[in-house]
All heavy atoms as atom14 arrays in JSON, in Angstrom:
{
  "sequence": "LRDYCPNANYILTLLLDAYKFNDGNWNTISFMKQAANTDIGWTLGY",
  "atom14_mask": [
    [1, 1, 1, 1, 1, 1, 1, 1, 0, 0, 0, 0, 0, 0],
    [1, 1, 1, 1, 1, 1, 1, 1, 1, 1, 1, 0, 0, 0],
    [1, 1, 1, 1, 1, 1, 1, 1, 0, 0, 0, 0, 0, 0],
    [1, 1, 1, 1, 1, 1, 1, 1, 1, 1, 1, 1, 0, 0],
    [1, 1, 1, 1, 1, 1, 0, 0, 0, 0, 0, 0, 0, 0],
    [1, 1, 1, 1, 1, 1, 1, 0, 0, 0, 0, 0, 0, 0],
    [1, 1, 1, 1, 1, 1, 1, 1, 0, 0, 0, 0, 0, 0],
    [1, 1, 1, 1, 1, 0, 0, 0, 0, 0, 0, 0, 0, 0],
    [1, 1, 1, 1, 1, 1, 1, 1, 0, 0, 0, 0, 0, 0],
    [1, 1, 1, 1, 1, 1, 1, 1, 1, 1, 1, 1, 0, 0],
    [1, 1, 1, 1, 1, 1, 1, 1, 0, 0, 0, 0, 0, 0],
    [1, 1, 1, 1, 1, 1, 1, 1, 0, 0, 0, 0, 0, 0],
    [1, 1, 1, 1, 1, 1, 1, 0, 0, 0, 0, 0, 0, 0],
    [1, 1, 1, 1, 1, 1, 1, 1, 0, 0, 0, 0, 0, 0],
    [1, 1, 1, 1, 1, 1, 1, 1, 0, 0, 0, 0, 0, 0],
    [1, 1, 1, 1, 1, 1, 1, 1, 0, 0, 0, 0, 0, 0],
    [1, 1, 1, 1, 1, 1, 1, 1, 0, 0, 0, 0, 0, 0],
    [1, 1, 1, 1, 1, 0, 0, 0, 0, 0, 0, 0, 0, 0],
    [1, 1, 1, 1, 1, 1, 1, 1, 1, 1, 1, 1, 0, 0],
    [1, 1, 1, 1, 1, 1, 1, 1, 1, 0, 0, 0, 0, 0],
    [1, 1, 1, 1, 1, 1, 1, 1, 1, 1, 1, 0, 0, 0],
    [1, 1, 1, 1, 1, 1, 1, 1, 0, 0, 0, 0, 0, 0],
    [1, 1, 1, 1, 1, 1, 1, 1, 0, 0, 0, 0, 0, 0],
    [1, 1, 1, 1, 0, 0, 0, 0, 0, 0, 0, 0, 0, 0],
    [1, 1, 1, 1, 1, 1, 1, 1, 0, 0, 0, 0, 0, 0],
    [1, 1, 1, 1, 1, 1, 1, 1, 1, 1, 1, 1, 1, 1],
    [1, 1, 1, 1, 1, 1, 1, 1, 0, 0, 0, 0, 0, 0],
    [1, 1, 1, 1, 1, 1, 1, 0, 0, 0, 0, 0, 0, 0],
    [1, 1, 1, 1, 1, 1, 1, 1, 0, 0, 0, 0, 0, 0],
    [1, 1, 1, 1, 1, 1, 0, 0, 0, 0, 0, 0, 0, 0],
    [1, 1, 1, 1, 1, 1, 1, 1, 1, 1, 1, 0, 0, 0],
    [1, 1, 1, 1, 1, 1, 1, 1, 0, 0, 0, 0, 0, 0],
    [1, 1, 1, 1, 1, 1, 1, 1, 1, 0, 0, 0, 0, 0],
    [1, 1, 1, 1, 1, 1, 1, 1, 1, 0, 0, 0, 0, 0],
    [1, 1, 1, 1, 1, 0, 0, 0, 0, 0, 0, 0, 0, 0],
    [1, 1, 1, 1, 1, 0, 0, 0, 0, 0, 0, 0, 0, 0],
    [1, 1, 1, 1, 1, 1, 1, 1, 0, 0, 0, 0, 0, 0],
    [1, 1, 1, 1, 1, 1, 1, 0, 0, 0, 0, 0, 0, 0],
    [1, 1, 1, 1, 1, 1, 1, 1, 0, 0, 0, 0, 0, 0],
    [1, 1, 1, 1, 1, 1, 1, 1, 0, 0, 0, 0, 0, 0],
    [1, 1, 1, 1, 0, 0, 0, 0, 0, 0, 0, 0, 0, 0],
    [1, 1, 1, 1, 1, 1, 1, 1, 1, 1, 1, 1, 1, 1],
    [1, 1, 1, 1, 1, 1, 1, 0, 0, 0, 0, 0, 0, 0],
    [1, 1, 1, 1, 1, 1, 1, 1, 0, 0, 0, 0, 0, 0],
    [1, 1, 1, 1, 0, 0, 0, 0, 0, 0, 0, 0, 0, 0],
    [1, 1, 1, 1, 1, 1, 1, 1, 1, 1, 1, 1, 0, 0]
  ],
  "atom14_positions": [
    [[47.2, -33.49, 41.14], [45.72, -33.56, 41.15], [45.14, -32.24, 40.68], [44.18, -32.19, 39.91], [45.26, -33.92, 42.57], [43.72, -34.08, 42.76], [43.22, -35.21, 41.9], [43.42, -34.31, 44.2], [0.0, 0.0, 0.0], [0.0, 0.0, 0.0], [0.0, 0.0, 0.0], [0.0, 0.0, 0.0], [0.0, 0.0, 0.0], [0.0, 0.0, 0.0]],
    [[45.71, -31.16, 41.15], [45.28, -29.78, 40.72], [45.42, -29.59, 39.21], [44.6, -28.91, 38.59], [46.13, -28.72, 41.5], [45.9, -27.33, 41.05], [47.09, -26.49, 41.42], [48.29, -26.9, 40.71], [49.55, -26.57, 41.06], [49.77, -25.86, 42.15], [50.56, -26.96, 40.35], [0.0, 0.0, 0.0], [0.0, 0.0, 0.0], [0.0, 0.0, 0.0]],
    [[46.46, -30.18, 38.65], [46.78, -29.93, 37.24], [46.11, -30.83, 36.26], [46.26, -30.62, 35.0], [48.31, -30.01, 37.04], [49.04, -28.84, 37.66], [48.39, -27.79, 37.95], [50.27, -28.92, 37.84], [0.0, 0.0, 0.0], [0.0, 0.0, 0.0], [0.0, 0.0, 0.0], [0.0, 0.0, 0.0], [0.0, 0.0, 0.0], [0.0, 0.0, 0.0]],
    [[45.35, -31.81, 36.67], [44.69, -32.67, 35.69], [43.72, -31.93, 34.79], [43.62, -32.22, 33.6], [43.99, -33.89, 36.38], [44.96, -34.99, 36.74], [45.12, -35.42, 38.04], [45.69, -35.64, 35.75], [45.98, -36.43, 38.39], [46.59, -36.65, 36.07], [46.71, -37.06, 37.42], [47.59, -38.05, 37.74], [0.0, 0.0, 0.0], [0.0, 0.0, 0.0]],
    [[43.01, -30.98, 35.35], [42.07, -30.21, 34.55], [42.78, -29.35, 33.52], [42.5, -29.43, 32.32], [41.18, -29.32, 35.46], [40.1, -28.18, 34.55], [0.0, 0.0, 0.0], [0.0, 0.0, 0.0], [0.0, 0.0, 0.0], [0.0, 0.0, 0.0], [0.0, 0.0, 0.0], [0.0, 0.0, 0.0], [0.0, 0.0, 0.0], [0.0, 0.0, 0.0]],
    [[43.76, -28.5, 33.91], [44.49, -27.76, 32.85], [45.26, -28.58, 31.91], [45.32, -28.3, 30.73], [45.39, -26.82, 33.68], [45.51, -27.43, 35.04], [44.18, -28.11, 35.24], [0.0, 0.0, 0.0], [0.0, 0.0, 0.0], [0.0, 0.0, 0.0], [0.0, 0.0, 0.0], [0.0, 0.0, 0.0], [0.0, 0.0, 0.0], [0.0, 0.0, 0.0]],
    [[45.85, -29.7, 32.39], [46.56, -30.61, 31.47], [45.66, -31.2, 30.46], [46.03, -31.34, 29.24], [47.28, -31.71, 32.24], [48.56, -31.24, 32.88], [49.18, -30.29, 32.39], [48.98, -31.89, 33.93], [0.0, 0.0, 0.0], [0.0, 0.0, 0.0], [0.0, 0.0, 0.0], [0.0, 0.0, 0.0], [0.0, 0.0, 0.0], [0.0, 0.0, 0.0]],
    [[44.5, -31.63, 30.84], [43.53, -32.26, 29.89], [43.11, -31.23, 28.86], [42.99, -31.57, 27.67], [42.33, -32.79, 30.66], [0.0, 0.0, 0.0], [0.0, 0.0, 0.0], [0.0, 0.0, 0.0], [0.0, 0.0, 0.0], [0.0, 0.0, 0.0], [0.0, 0.0, 0.0], [0.0, 0.0, 0.0], [0.0, 0.0, 0.0], [0.0, 0.0, 0.0]],
    [[42.84, -30.0, 29.31], [42.45, -28.96, 28.34], [43.61, -28.57, 27.46], [43.4, -28.24, 26.29], [41.91, -27.74, 29.1], [40.48, -27.93, 29.52], [39.56, -27.89, 28.73], [40.24, -28.18, 30.82], [0.0, 0.0, 0.0], [0.0, 0.0, 0.0], [0.0, 0.0, 0.0], [0.0, 0.0, 0.0], [0.0, 0.0, 0.0], [0.0, 0.0, 0.0]],
    [[44.84, -28.63, 28.01], [45.98, -28.32, 27.16], [46.13, -29.38, 26.05], [46.39, -29.08, 24.89], [47.25, -28.29, 27.97], [48.49, -28.11, 27.11], [48.66, -27.04, 26.28], [49.46, -29.15, 27.1], [49.74, -26.92, 25.45], [50.56, -29.02, 26.28], [50.68, -27.92, 25.45], [51.81, -27.82, 24.64], [0.0, 0.0, 0.0], [0.0, 0.0, 0.0]],
    [[45.92, -30.66, 26.42], [45.98, -31.73, 25.4], [44.98, -31.47, 24.3], [45.24, -31.66, 23.15], [45.79, -33.08, 26.09], [47.05, -33.46, 26.91], [45.47, -34.18, 25.06], [46.92, -34.72, 27.71], [0.0, 0.0, 0.0], [0.0, 0.0, 0.0], [0.0, 0.0, 0.0], [0.0, 0.0, 0.0], [0.0, 0.0, 0.0], [0.0, 0.0, 0.0]],
    [[43.73, -31.12, 24.7], [42.73, -30.82, 23.69], [43.14, -29.7, 22.77], [42.96, -29.76, 21.56], [41.42, -30.51, 24.36], [40.58, -31.73, 24.97], [39.26, -31.24, 25.47], [40.42, -32.8, 23.92], [0.0, 0.0, 0.0], [0.0, 0.0, 0.0], [0.0, 0.0, 0.0], [0.0, 0.0, 0.0], [0.0, 0.0, 0.0], [0.0, 0.0, 0.0]],
    [[43.61, -28.6, 23.36], [43.99, -27.46, 22.47], [45.14, -27.83, 21.54], [45.15, -27.43, 20.38], [44.39, -26.24, 23.3], [45.56, -26.51, 24.12], [43.28, -25.77, 24.22], [0.0, 0.0, 0.0], [0.0, 0.0, 0.0], [0.0, 0.0, 0.0], [0.0, 0.0, 0.0], [0.0, 0.0, 0.0], [0.0, 0.0, 0.0], [0.0, 0.0, 0.0]],
    [[46.07, -28.64, 22.06], [47.24, -29.04, 21.26], [46.8, -29.92, 20.1], [47.18, -29.71, 18.91], [48.25, -29.73, 22.12], [49.56, -30.2, 21.43], [50.35, -29.01, 20.96], [50.4, -31.02, 22.42], [0.0, 0.0, 0.0], [0.0, 0.0, 0.0], [0.0, 0.0, 0.0], [0.0, 0.0, 0.0], [0.0, 0.0, 0.0], [0.0, 0.0, 0.0]],
    [[45.96, -30.93, 20.41], [45.56, -31.88, 19.37], [44.57, -31.24, 18.38], [44.65, -31.51, 17.17], [44.93, -33.1, 20.03], [45.89, -33.97, 20.86], [45.11, -35.13, 21.47], [47.05, -34.47, 20.04], [0.0, 0.0, 0.0], [0.0, 0.0, 0.0], [0.0, 0.0, 0.0], [0.0, 0.0, 0.0], [0.0, 0.0, 0.0], [0.0, 0.0, 0.0]],
    [[43.63, -30.48, 18.89], [42.59, -29.95, 18.04], [42.94, -28.65, 17.33], [42.81, -28.55, 16.09], [41.27, -29.72, 18.81], [40.74, -31.01, 19.54], [39.49, -30.63, 20.37], [40.37, -32.07, 18.56], [0.0, 0.0, 0.0], [0.0, 0.0, 0.0], [0.0, 0.0, 0.0], [0.0, 0.0, 0.0], [0.0, 0.0, 0.0], [0.0, 0.0, 0.0]],
    [[43.44, -27.69, 18.06], [43.67, -26.36, 17.49], [45.08, -26.27, 16.84], [45.21, -25.58, 15.82], [43.54, -25.3, 18.57], [42.16, -25.24, 19.15], [41.24, -24.75, 18.45], [41.96, -25.72, 20.3], [0.0, 0.0, 0.0], [0.0, 0.0, 0.0], [0.0, 0.0, 0.0], [0.0, 0.0, 0.0], [0.0, 0.0, 0.0], [0.0, 0.0, 0.0]],
    [[46.05, -26.95, 17.42], [47.38, -26.88, 16.84], [47.65, -27.9, 15.76], [47.98, -27.6, 14.61], [48.44, -27.0, 17.94], [0.0, 0.0, 0.0], [0.0, 0.0, 0.0], [0.0, 0.0, 0.0], [0.0, 0.0, 0.0], [0.0, 0.0, 0.0], [0.0, 0.0, 0.0], [0.0, 0.0, 0.0], [0.0, 0.0, 0.0], [0.0, 0.0, 0.0]],
    [[47.42, -29.18, 16.11], [47.72, -30.26, 15.16], [46.57, -30.49, 14.15], [46.77, -31.19, 13.18], [48.02, -31.55, 15.9], [49.28, -31.51, 16.72], [49.47, -32.4, 17.79], [50.31, -30.58, 16.49], [50.65, -32.39, 18.53], [51.44, -30.56, 17.23], [51.61, -31.45, 18.28], [52.76, -31.41, 19.03], [0.0, 0.0, 0.0], [0.0, 0.0, 0.0]],
    [[45.37, -30.0, 14.44], [44.22, -30.08, 13.58], [43.53, -31.4, 13.49], [42.94, -31.77, 12.48], [44.62, -29.6, 12.14], [45.37, -28.29, 12.06], [44.55, -27.1, 12.57], [45.23, -25.75, 12.31], [46.46, -25.57, 13.0], [0.0, 0.0, 0.0], [0.0, 0.0, 0.0], [0.0, 0.0, 0.0], [0.0, 0.0, 0.0], [0.0, 0.0, 0.0]],
    [[43.51, -32.15, 14.61], [42.63, -33.3, 14.69], [41.22, -32.76, 14.85], [41.01, -31.61, 15.29], [42.98, -34.2, 15.87], [44.21, -35.02, 15.65], [45.48, -34.56, 16.05], [44.11, -36.26, 15.0], [46.6, -35.36, 15.83], [45.25, -37.05, 14.78], [46.5, -36.59, 15.22], [0.0, 0.0, 0.0], [0.0, 0.0, 0.0], [0.0, 0.0, 0.0]],
    [[40.18, -33.59, 14.58], [38.82, -33.14, 14.71], [37.91, -34.36, 14.96], [38.39, -35.46, 15.19], [38.36, -32.38, 13.43], [38.67, -33.24, 12.17], [38.39, -34.4, 12.15], [39.19, -32.59, 11.17], [0.0, 0.0, 0.0], [0.0, 0.0, 0.0], [0.0, 0.0, 0.0], [0.0, 0.0, 0.0], [0.0, 0.0, 0.0], [0.0, 0.0, 0.0]],
    [[36.61, -34.1, 14.98], [35.63, -35.2, 15.25], [35.84, -36.33, 14.26], [35.66, -37.47, 14.64], [34.22, -34.64, 15.13], [33.81, -33.83, 16.35], [33.52, -34.42, 17.4], [33.82, -32.58, 16.24], [0.0, 0.0, 0.0], [0.0, 0.0, 0.0], [0.0, 0.0, 0.0], [0.0, 0.0, 0.0], [0.0, 0.0, 0.0], [0.0, 0.0, 0.0]],
    [[36.16, -36.01, 13.01], [36.25, -36.98, 11.98], [37.43, -37.95, 12.13], [37.36, -39.11, 11.73], [0.0, 0.0, 0.0], [0.0, 0.0, 0.0], [0.0, 0.0, 0.0], [0.0, 0.0, 0.0], [0.0, 0.0, 0.0], [0.0, 0.0, 0.0], [0.0, 0.0, 0.0], [0.0, 0.0, 0.0], [0.0, 0.0, 0.0], [0.0, 0.0, 0.0]],
    [[38.54, -37.48, 12.63], [39.73, -38.34, 12.74], [40.24, -38.51, 14.16], [41.31, -39.05, 14.38], [40.87, -37.8, 11.87], [41.25, -36.4, 12.24], [40.98, -35.89, 13.33], [41.87, -35.66, 11.28], [0.0, 0.0, 0.0], [0.0, 0.0, 0.0], [0.0, 0.0, 0.0], [0.0, 0.0, 0.0], [0.0, 0.0, 0.0], [0.0, 0.0, 0.0]],
    [[39.43, -38.13, 15.16], [39.82, -38.33, 16.54], [40.08, -39.78, 16.89], [40.99, -40.1, 17.65], [38.74, -37.74, 17.49], [39.06, -37.9, 18.94], [38.58, -38.87, 19.77], [39.92, -37.11, 19.72], [39.12, -38.74, 21.06], [39.92, -37.65, 21.06], [40.68, -35.97, 19.45], [40.67, -37.08, 22.08], [41.39, -35.39, 20.49], [41.4, -35.93, 21.81]],
    [[39.31, -40.68, 16.29], [39.47, -42.1, 16.57], [40.71, -42.68, 15.98], [40.99, -43.87, 16.2], [38.22, -42.87, 16.09], [38.06, -42.84, 14.6], [38.72, -42.06, 13.91], [37.13, -43.64, 14.1], [0.0, 0.0, 0.0], [0.0, 0.0, 0.0], [0.0, 0.0, 0.0], [0.0, 0.0, 0.0], [0.0, 0.0, 0.0], [0.0, 0.0, 0.0]],
    [[41.52, -41.92, 15.28], [42.82, -42.42, 14.79], [43.88, -42.31, 15.82], [44.99, -42.78, 15.6], [43.25, -41.63, 13.5], [43.5, -40.26, 13.85], [42.19, -41.71, 12.42], [0.0, 0.0, 0.0], [0.0, 0.0, 0.0], [0.0, 0.0, 0.0], [0.0, 0.0, 0.0], [0.0, 0.0, 0.0], [0.0, 0.0, 0.0], [0.0, 0.0, 0.0]],
    [[43.59, -41.69, 16.96], [44.57, -41.54, 18.06], [44.33, -42.63, 19.07], [43.23, -42.8, 19.59], [44.46, -40.18, 18.73], [44.49, -39.04, 17.73], [45.56, -40.0, 19.78], [44.24, -37.65, 18.34], [0.0, 0.0, 0.0], [0.0, 0.0, 0.0], [0.0, 0.0, 0.0], [0.0, 0.0, 0.0], [0.0, 0.0, 0.0], [0.0, 0.0, 0.0]],
    [[45.38, -43.36, 19.38], [45.35, -44.38, 20.48], [46.26, -43.87, 21.6], [47.46, -43.62, 21.37], [45.84, -45.75, 20.0], [44.99, -46.25, 19.0], [0.0, 0.0, 0.0], [0.0, 0.0, 0.0], [0.0, 0.0, 0.0], [0.0, 0.0, 0.0], [0.0, 0.0, 0.0], [0.0, 0.0, 0.0], [0.0, 0.0, 0.0], [0.0, 0.0, 0.0]],
    [[45.7, -43.72, 22.79], [46.45, -43.26, 23.94], [47.02, -44.49, 24.63], [46.32, -45.27, 25.24], [45.57, -42.42, 24.88], [45.07, -41.14, 24.24], [43.93, -41.13, 23.5], [45.82, -39.98, 24.44], [43.49, -39.89, 22.91], [45.4, -38.79, 23.85], [44.24, -38.76, 23.1], [0.0, 0.0, 0.0], [0.0, 0.0, 0.0], [0.0, 0.0, 0.0]],
    [[48.34, -44.67, 24.51], [48.97, -45.91, 24.94], [50.24, -45.61, 25.73], [50.96, -44.66, 25.47], [49.34, -46.78, 23.75], [48.15, -47.13, 22.85], [47.04, -48.35, 23.55], [48.03, -49.8, 23.48], [0.0, 0.0, 0.0], [0.0, 0.0, 0.0], [0.0, 0.0, 0.0], [0.0, 0.0, 0.0], [0.0, 0.0, 0.0], [0.0, 0.0, 0.0]],
    [[50.51, -46.5, 26.68], [51.82, -46.46, 27.38], [52.84, -47.41, 26.82], [54.03, -47.11, 26.73], [51.61, -46.73, 28.86], [52.9, -46.77, 29.68], [52.69, -47.19, 31.14], [53.99, -47.25, 31.9], [53.82, -47.71, 33.26], [0.0, 0.0, 0.0], [0.0, 0.0, 0.0], [0.0, 0.0, 0.0], [0.0, 0.0, 0.0], [0.0, 0.0, 0.0]],
    [[52.34, -48.61, 26.4], [53.21, -49.65, 25.94], [52.74, -50.24, 24.6], [51.56, -50.16, 24.27], [53.31, -50.77, 26.96], [54.03, -50.44, 28.23], [54.31, -51.68, 29.08], [53.55, -52.64, 29.09], [55.45, -51.68, 29.78], [0.0, 0.0, 0.0], [0.0, 0.0, 0.0], [0.0, 0.0, 0.0], [0.0, 0.0, 0.0], [0.0, 0.0, 0.0]],
    [[53.69, -50.86, 23.94], [53.37, -51.71, 22.78], [54.33, -52.93, 22.92], [55.49, -52.74, 23.21], [53.67, -50.97, 21.48], [0.0, 0.0, 0.0], [0.0, 0.0, 0.0], [0.0, 0.0, 0.0], [0.0, 0.0, 0.0], [0.0, 0.0, 0.0], [0.0, 0.0, 0.0], [0.0, 0.0, 0.0], [0.0, 0.0, 0.0], [0.0, 0.0, 0.0]],
    [[53.79, -54.1, 22.71], [54.59, -55.33, 22.84], [55.33, -55.38, 24.19], [56.47, -55.76, 24.27], [55.59, -55.45, 21.7], [0.0, 0.0, 0.0], [0.0, 0.0, 0.0], [0.0, 0.0, 0.0], [0.0, 0.0, 0.0], [0.0, 0.0, 0.0], [0.0, 0.0, 0.0], [0.0, 0.0, 0.0], [0.0, 0.0, 0.0], [0.0, 0.0, 0.0]],
    [[54.58, -54.98, 25.23], [55.12, -55.05, 26.58], [56.34, -54.21, 26.79], [57.17, -54.45, 27.66], [55.44, -56.48, 27.03], [54.21, -57.39, 27.02], [53.15, -56.97, 27.54], [54.3, -58.58, 26.49], [0.0, 0.0, 0.0], [0.0, 0.0, 0.0], [0.0, 0.0, 0.0], [0.0, 0.0, 0.0], [0.0, 0.0, 0.0], [0.0, 0.0, 0.0]],
    [[56.48, -53.16, 25.97], [57.65, -52.24, 26.08], [57.09, -50.81, 26.12], [56.22, -50.46, 25.36], [58.58, -52.44, 24.89], [59.13, -53.77, 24.96], [59.72, -51.42, 24.95], [0.0, 0.0, 0.0], [0.0, 0.0, 0.0], [0.0, 0.0, 0.0], [0.0, 0.0, 0.0], [0.0, 0.0, 0.0], [0.0, 0.0, 0.0], [0.0, 0.0, 0.0]],
    [[57.65, -50.0, 27.02], [57.24, -48.6, 27.12], [57.52, -47.86, 25.81], [58.61, -48.03, 25.23], [57.95, -47.9, 28.26], [57.43, -48.38, 29.64], [56.53, -49.23, 29.68], [57.95, -47.9, 30.65], [0.0, 0.0, 0.0], [0.0, 0.0, 0.0], [0.0, 0.0, 0.0], [0.0, 0.0, 0.0], [0.0, 0.0, 0.0], [0.0, 0.0, 0.0]],
    [[56.58, -47.07, 25.38], [56.75, -46.31, 24.13], [57.46, -44.98, 24.51], [57.09, -44.31, 25.48], [55.42, -45.95, 23.47], [54.66, -47.27, 23.15], [55.62, -45.16, 22.23], [53.23, -47.04, 22.68], [0.0, 0.0, 0.0], [0.0, 0.0, 0.0], [0.0, 0.0, 0.0], [0.0, 0.0, 0.0], [0.0, 0.0, 0.0], [0.0, 0.0, 0.0]],
    [[58.45, -44.63, 23.75], [59.21, -43.43, 23.96], [60.39, -43.41, 23.01], [60.54, -44.3, 22.15], [0.0, 0.0, 0.0], [0.0, 0.0, 0.0], [0.0, 0.0, 0.0], [0.0, 0.0, 0.0], [0.0, 0.0, 0.0], [0.0, 0.0, 0.0], [0.0, 0.0, 0.0], [0.0, 0.0, 0.0], [0.0, 0.0, 0.0], [0.0, 0.0, 0.0]],
    [[61.27, -42.44, 23.18], [62.4, -42.28, 22.2], [63.56, -43.23, 22.54], [64.4, -43.47, 21.71], [62.9, -40.82, 22.2], [63.38, -40.36, 23.51], [62.71, -39.71, 24.47], [64.71, -40.52, 24.05], [63.49, -39.46, 25.54], [64.73, -39.93, 25.31], [65.89, -41.11, 23.54], [65.9, -39.91, 26.13], [67.03, -41.07, 24.34], [67.05, -40.48, 25.6]],
    [[63.62, -43.78, 23.76], [64.82, -44.47, 24.22], [65.15, -45.77, 23.42], [66.32, -45.97, 23.08], [64.73, -44.86, 25.72], [63.49, -45.58, 25.93], [64.7, -43.6, 26.56], [0.0, 0.0, 0.0], [0.0, 0.0, 0.0], [0.0, 0.0, 0.0], [0.0, 0.0, 0.0], [0.0, 0.0, 0.0], [0.0, 0.0, 0.0], [0.0, 0.0, 0.0]],
    [[64.17, -46.54, 23.1], [64.42, -47.76, 22.34], [64.9, -47.42, 20.97], [65.89, -48.01, 20.44], [63.2, -48.66, 22.29], [63.32, -49.95, 21.48], [64.51, -50.79, 21.95], [62.02, -50.75, 21.48], [0.0, 0.0, 0.0], [0.0, 0.0, 0.0], [0.0, 0.0, 0.0], [0.0, 0.0, 0.0], [0.0, 0.0, 0.0], [0.0, 0.0, 0.0]],
    [[64.25, -46.49, 20.29], [64.68, -46.09, 18.97], [66.08, -45.5, 18.95], [66.87, -45.74, 18.04], [0.0, 0.0, 0.0], [0.0, 0.0, 0.0], [0.0, 0.0, 0.0], [0.0, 0.0, 0.0], [0.0, 0.0, 0.0], [0.0, 0.0, 0.0], [0.0, 0.0, 0.0], [0.0, 0.0, 0.0], [0.0, 0.0, 0.0], [0.0, 0.0, 0.0]],
    [[66.41, -44.79, 20.01], [67.75, -44.22, 20.18], [68.8, -45.33, 20.28], [69.84, -45.29, 19.54], [67.77, -43.38, 21.45], [69.04, -42.57, 21.72], [69.31, -41.44, 20.93], [69.89, -42.91, 22.76], [70.43, -40.67, 21.2], [71.0, -42.16, 23.07], [71.29, -41.05, 22.25], [72.4, -40.28, 22.55], [0.0, 0.0, 0.0], [0.0, 0.0, 0.0]]
  ]
}
């Protein structure tokens, strides 16, 4: 609970300042846990 504020700001700095997303392309990001009822991550591809 304490870390939600710093984590959220870290995500913003990473996406905006490091990866260079901006107001114009922010809507190209979908924050998702699953696709086709399967958790997204490296394990299935592995």
